[in-house]
Every structure is written in structure tokens, then in C-alpha cells.
Amino acid sequence: MGDHGRTTDTRSAMRIYMQTNPDAGQPPQYVQLTLEQDLLGGWTLYRESGRQGGRASLRREVFLEDKAAIEAFEKARDAQIKRGFRVVFAQGTDAAHAH
């Protein structure tokens, strides 16, 4: 049956929560990236963003290969760091390779 019934220990889920420093009188903006492996071995990257306490936006991207999924996760993380977001919480493979 192959490896379909097996979970891949620390690579089965990764999560990073980032936020900006709040502007005067405004709550901080946040981005949460979550990468999860499904039961069939595929991967889903969830990107949630918004302002703390306000409306949020959620996007989902599906990958068949773990390498492509992890690369997309890291690219999304790096793009947000360049925009001024800082990592508040990281969980998963080596704390999601947090900077």
C-alpha cells in the first residue's frame, strides 16, 4: 500500500503567526500561514490575513508534493517579513524555519 497510511511526523503541519507593530489608534495587522498534510498525502497552504479584531481574508492553495508546498510556505513567510511583519508564533518543522 505504500506510504499513504503514514503521517510524516513534524512535517504534517506547520504554522506561523505574524503581525505588524500597531499604528497609532489602530490594531495591528496579522498574517497566519498554515500548511497541513491531508490523509492522501497532498498539502494545503492556508493564508489568513486582516486587522486584529476586524474582518479577515482566507486563501487556500493545494499542492501535491511536499517540496513545492514547503517552498510556497517559506516564500509567503519571507514576503510578509519583507513587508514589515514579525513572527510572533511558529510551530512545526523546526518552528517553521522561523527567522
N, C-alpha and C. Protein backbone atom coordinates (compact mmCIF):
# COMPACT_ATOMS: atom_id res chain seq x y z
N MET A 1 0.80 -1.20 0.00
CA MET A 1 0.00 0.00 0.00
C MET A 1 0.84 1.26 0.00
N GLY A 2 2.13 1.17 0.13
CA GLY A 2 2.97 2.37 0.09
C GLY A 2 2.91 3.15 1.37
N ASP A 3 3.14 4.46 1.27
CA ASP A 3 3.24 5.32 2.43
C ASP A 3 1.96 6.10 2.72
N HIS A 4 0.85 5.81 2.05
CA HIS A 4 -0.35 6.62 2.21
C HIS A 4 -0.93 6.61 3.60
N GLY A 5 -0.76 5.53 4.37
CA GLY A 5 -1.33 5.47 5.70
C GLY A 5 -0.44 6.06 6.76
N ARG A 6 0.71 6.53 6.40
CA ARG A 6 1.70 7.02 7.36
C ARG A 6 1.68 8.54 7.42
N THR A 7 1.81 9.08 8.62
CA THR A 7 1.95 10.52 8.74
C THR A 7 3.42 10.86 8.83
N THR A 8 3.78 12.02 8.37
CA THR A 8 5.18 12.40 8.35
C THR A 8 5.50 13.30 9.53
N ASP A 9 5.62 12.72 10.68
CA ASP A 9 5.91 13.35 11.97
C ASP A 9 5.84 14.86 11.96
N THR A 10 6.96 15.58 12.00
CA THR A 10 6.93 17.03 12.15
C THR A 10 6.51 17.76 10.89
N ARG A 11 6.51 17.11 9.75
CA ARG A 11 6.13 17.80 8.51
C ARG A 11 4.63 17.75 8.24
N SER A 12 3.84 17.15 9.11
CA SER A 12 2.42 17.03 8.84
C SER A 12 1.66 18.34 9.04
N ALA A 13 2.24 19.30 9.77
CA ALA A 13 1.60 20.61 9.94
C ALA A 13 2.64 21.64 10.34
N MET A 14 2.51 22.82 9.74
CA MET A 14 3.38 23.95 10.08
C MET A 14 2.50 25.18 10.18
N ARG A 15 2.85 26.07 11.11
CA ARG A 15 2.03 27.27 11.30
C ARG A 15 2.92 28.42 11.73
N ILE A 16 2.67 29.60 11.17
CA ILE A 16 3.35 30.82 11.57
C ILE A 16 2.29 31.92 11.72
N TYR A 17 2.36 32.63 12.84
CA TYR A 17 1.50 33.79 13.06
C TYR A 17 2.41 35.01 13.13
N MET A 18 2.13 36.02 12.30
CA MET A 18 2.94 37.23 12.24
C MET A 18 2.04 38.44 12.37
N GLN A 19 2.62 39.53 12.86
CA GLN A 19 1.86 40.78 12.89
C GLN A 19 2.79 41.97 12.77
N THR A 20 2.18 43.12 12.44
CA THR A 20 2.92 44.36 12.36
C THR A 20 2.82 45.09 13.69
N ASN A 21 3.66 46.09 13.87
CA ASN A 21 3.51 46.96 15.02
C ASN A 21 2.27 47.81 14.77
N PRO A 22 1.43 47.99 15.77
CA PRO A 22 0.20 48.75 15.55
C PRO A 22 0.47 50.22 15.26
N ASP A 23 -0.34 50.78 14.34
CA ASP A 23 -0.30 52.21 14.08
C ASP A 23 -1.02 52.91 15.24
N ALA A 24 -0.78 54.17 15.41
CA ALA A 24 -1.45 54.93 16.48
C ALA A 24 -2.97 54.81 16.33
N GLY A 25 -3.59 54.28 17.35
CA GLY A 25 -5.05 54.16 17.35
C GLY A 25 -5.60 53.02 16.51
N GLN A 26 -4.75 52.23 15.90
CA GLN A 26 -5.19 51.12 15.04
C GLN A 26 -4.67 49.79 15.60
N PRO A 27 -5.47 48.74 15.55
CA PRO A 27 -4.97 47.43 15.95
C PRO A 27 -3.97 46.91 14.90
N PRO A 28 -3.07 46.01 15.30
CA PRO A 28 -2.07 45.52 14.35
C PRO A 28 -2.69 44.67 13.24
N GLN A 29 -2.02 44.64 12.11
CA GLN A 29 -2.39 43.73 11.04
C GLN A 29 -1.72 42.39 11.35
N TYR A 30 -2.33 41.30 10.86
CA TYR A 30 -1.75 39.99 11.09
C TYR A 30 -1.82 39.14 9.84
N VAL A 31 -0.96 38.15 9.79
CA VAL A 31 -0.98 37.12 8.76
C VAL A 31 -0.72 35.80 9.46
N GLN A 32 -1.52 34.81 9.16
CA GLN A 32 -1.30 33.47 9.68
C GLN A 32 -1.16 32.53 8.49
N LEU A 33 -0.06 31.80 8.43
CA LEU A 33 0.18 30.80 7.39
C LEU A 33 0.12 29.43 8.04
N THR A 34 -0.68 28.56 7.47
CA THR A 34 -0.80 27.20 7.98
C THR A 34 -0.63 26.24 6.82
N LEU A 35 0.24 25.27 6.98
CA LEU A 35 0.46 24.25 5.96
C LEU A 35 0.13 22.91 6.59
N GLU A 36 -0.84 22.20 6.01
CA GLU A 36 -1.30 20.93 6.55
C GLU A 36 -1.27 19.85 5.49
N GLN A 37 -0.91 18.65 5.91
CA GLN A 37 -0.94 17.50 5.01
C GLN A 37 -2.27 16.78 5.18
N ASP A 38 -2.90 16.39 4.07
CA ASP A 38 -4.16 15.67 4.16
C ASP A 38 -3.91 14.16 4.23
N LEU A 39 -4.96 13.39 4.37
CA LEU A 39 -4.84 11.95 4.53
C LEU A 39 -4.33 11.23 3.29
N LEU A 40 -4.42 11.87 2.14
CA LEU A 40 -3.97 11.26 0.89
C LEU A 40 -2.55 11.69 0.50
N GLY A 41 -1.91 12.49 1.34
CA GLY A 41 -0.54 12.90 1.07
C GLY A 41 -0.42 14.25 0.40
N GLY A 42 -1.52 14.90 0.08
CA GLY A 42 -1.48 16.25 -0.50
C GLY A 42 -1.28 17.28 0.59
N TRP A 43 -1.05 18.51 0.18
CA TRP A 43 -0.78 19.60 1.12
C TRP A 43 -1.66 20.79 0.82
N THR A 44 -2.12 21.49 1.86
CA THR A 44 -2.91 22.70 1.69
C THR A 44 -2.25 23.82 2.48
N LEU A 45 -2.03 24.95 1.78
CA LEU A 45 -1.50 26.16 2.41
C LEU A 45 -2.65 27.14 2.59
N TYR A 46 -2.91 27.51 3.84
CA TYR A 46 -3.93 28.50 4.18
C TYR A 46 -3.24 29.81 4.52
N ARG A 47 -3.71 30.91 3.94
CA ARG A 47 -3.19 32.24 4.23
C ARG A 47 -4.34 33.09 4.75
N GLU A 48 -4.29 33.40 6.01
CA GLU A 48 -5.31 34.25 6.63
C GLU A 48 -4.67 35.58 6.97
N SER A 49 -5.37 36.66 6.64
CA SER A 49 -4.81 37.98 6.95
C SER A 49 -5.94 38.96 7.27
N GLY A 50 -5.58 39.99 7.99
CA GLY A 50 -6.54 41.02 8.35
C GLY A 50 -6.00 41.91 9.43
N ARG A 51 -6.90 42.66 10.03
CA ARG A 51 -6.55 43.52 11.16
C ARG A 51 -7.12 42.87 12.41
N GLN A 52 -6.32 42.84 13.47
CA GLN A 52 -6.72 42.23 14.73
C GLN A 52 -8.10 42.73 15.13
N GLY A 53 -9.05 41.82 15.35
CA GLY A 53 -10.40 42.19 15.76
C GLY A 53 -11.31 42.62 14.62
N GLY A 54 -10.81 42.62 13.38
CA GLY A 54 -11.60 43.04 12.22
C GLY A 54 -11.87 41.88 11.28
N ARG A 55 -12.29 42.22 10.08
CA ARG A 55 -12.56 41.20 9.08
C ARG A 55 -11.27 40.57 8.61
N ALA A 56 -11.37 39.30 8.24
CA ALA A 56 -10.19 38.56 7.77
C ALA A 56 -10.43 38.03 6.37
N SER A 57 -9.34 37.78 5.69
CA SER A 57 -9.36 37.18 4.36
C SER A 57 -8.67 35.82 4.47
N LEU A 58 -9.22 34.81 3.81
CA LEU A 58 -8.63 33.48 3.85
C LEU A 58 -8.48 32.97 2.43
N ARG A 59 -7.25 32.58 2.08
CA ARG A 59 -6.97 31.97 0.78
C ARG A 59 -6.42 30.57 1.01
N ARG A 60 -6.68 29.70 0.04
CA ARG A 60 -6.24 28.31 0.16
C ARG A 60 -5.57 27.91 -1.14
N GLU A 61 -4.44 27.20 -1.02
CA GLU A 61 -3.71 26.72 -2.18
C GLU A 61 -3.35 25.25 -1.92
N VAL A 62 -3.56 24.38 -2.91
CA VAL A 62 -3.34 22.95 -2.75
C VAL A 62 -2.11 22.52 -3.55
N PHE A 63 -1.30 21.64 -2.96
CA PHE A 63 -0.09 21.12 -3.57
C PHE A 63 -0.08 19.61 -3.49
N LEU A 64 0.49 18.95 -4.49
CA LEU A 64 0.61 17.50 -4.48
C LEU A 64 1.91 17.04 -3.85
N GLU A 65 2.94 17.86 -3.93
CA GLU A 65 4.27 17.49 -3.43
C GLU A 65 4.64 18.32 -2.21
N ASP A 66 5.27 17.69 -1.23
CA ASP A 66 5.66 18.41 -0.02
C ASP A 66 6.70 19.48 -0.31
N LYS A 67 7.62 19.22 -1.22
CA LYS A 67 8.67 20.19 -1.52
C LYS A 67 8.07 21.50 -2.04
N ALA A 68 7.14 21.42 -2.98
CA ALA A 68 6.50 22.62 -3.53
C ALA A 68 5.69 23.34 -2.47
N ALA A 69 5.02 22.59 -1.60
CA ALA A 69 4.20 23.19 -0.55
C ALA A 69 5.07 23.94 0.45
N ILE A 70 6.18 23.34 0.86
CA ILE A 70 7.07 23.98 1.82
C ILE A 70 7.73 25.21 1.21
N GLU A 71 8.10 25.12 -0.07
CA GLU A 71 8.67 26.29 -0.75
C GLU A 71 7.68 27.45 -0.79
N ALA A 72 6.41 27.15 -1.08
CA ALA A 72 5.38 28.20 -1.12
C ALA A 72 5.17 28.80 0.27
N PHE A 73 5.17 27.96 1.30
CA PHE A 73 5.04 28.41 2.69
C PHE A 73 6.18 29.37 3.04
N GLU A 74 7.40 28.97 2.73
CA GLU A 74 8.57 29.79 3.04
C GLU A 74 8.59 31.09 2.24
N LYS A 75 8.19 31.02 0.98
CA LYS A 75 8.14 32.21 0.14
C LYS A 75 7.10 33.21 0.69
N ALA A 76 5.93 32.70 1.10
CA ALA A 76 4.89 33.56 1.67
C ALA A 76 5.37 34.18 2.97
N ARG A 77 6.03 33.39 3.80
CA ARG A 77 6.59 33.91 5.07
C ARG A 77 7.60 35.02 4.80
N ASP A 78 8.54 34.76 3.90
CA ASP A 78 9.58 35.73 3.60
C ASP A 78 9.01 37.03 3.02
N ALA A 79 7.99 36.92 2.18
CA ALA A 79 7.35 38.10 1.60
C ALA A 79 6.72 38.97 2.69
N GLN A 80 6.09 38.34 3.68
CA GLN A 80 5.47 39.10 4.76
C GLN A 80 6.51 39.75 5.66
N ILE A 81 7.62 39.07 5.89
CA ILE A 81 8.70 39.64 6.70
C ILE A 81 9.26 40.88 6.00
N LYS A 82 9.41 40.81 4.68
CA LYS A 82 9.89 41.97 3.92
C LYS A 82 8.91 43.14 3.99
N ARG A 83 7.63 42.84 4.20
CA ARG A 83 6.61 43.89 4.31
C ARG A 83 6.53 44.47 5.73
N GLY A 84 7.37 43.97 6.64
CA GLY A 84 7.39 44.54 7.99
C GLY A 84 6.71 43.70 9.05
N PHE A 85 6.22 42.53 8.69
CA PHE A 85 5.61 41.65 9.68
C PHE A 85 6.70 40.95 10.47
N ARG A 86 6.42 40.68 11.74
CA ARG A 86 7.37 39.92 12.55
C ARG A 86 6.71 38.65 13.05
N VAL A 87 7.50 37.60 13.19
CA VAL A 87 6.98 36.31 13.64
C VAL A 87 6.69 36.39 15.13
N VAL A 88 5.45 36.08 15.50
CA VAL A 88 5.03 36.06 16.89
C VAL A 88 5.01 34.62 17.41
N PHE A 89 4.58 33.69 16.54
CA PHE A 89 4.45 32.30 16.94
C PHE A 89 4.77 31.42 15.73
N ALA A 90 5.53 30.35 15.95
CA ALA A 90 5.83 29.38 14.89
C ALA A 90 5.75 27.99 15.48
N GLN A 91 5.18 27.08 14.69
CA GLN A 91 5.02 25.69 15.12
C GLN A 91 5.23 24.79 13.92
N GLY A 92 5.87 23.67 14.14
CA GLY A 92 6.06 22.71 13.06
C GLY A 92 7.52 22.49 12.77
N THR A 93 7.82 22.08 11.57
CA THR A 93 9.18 21.72 11.18
C THR A 93 10.16 22.79 11.59
N ASP A 94 10.95 22.47 12.60
CA ASP A 94 11.96 23.41 13.13
C ASP A 94 11.35 24.79 13.33
N ALA A 95 10.18 24.82 13.98
CA ALA A 95 9.45 26.07 14.21
C ALA A 95 9.28 26.84 12.91
N ALA A 96 8.93 26.08 11.86
CA ALA A 96 8.63 26.63 10.53
C ALA A 96 9.78 27.46 9.99
N HIS A 97 11.01 27.06 10.34
CA HIS A 97 12.21 27.74 9.86
C HIS A 97 12.18 29.23 10.17
N ALA A 98 11.64 29.58 11.34
CA ALA A 98 11.47 30.99 11.71
C ALA A 98 12.80 31.74 11.68
N HIS A 99 12.70 32.98 11.31
CA HIS A 99 13.90 33.84 11.23
C HIS A 99 14.15 34.50 12.54
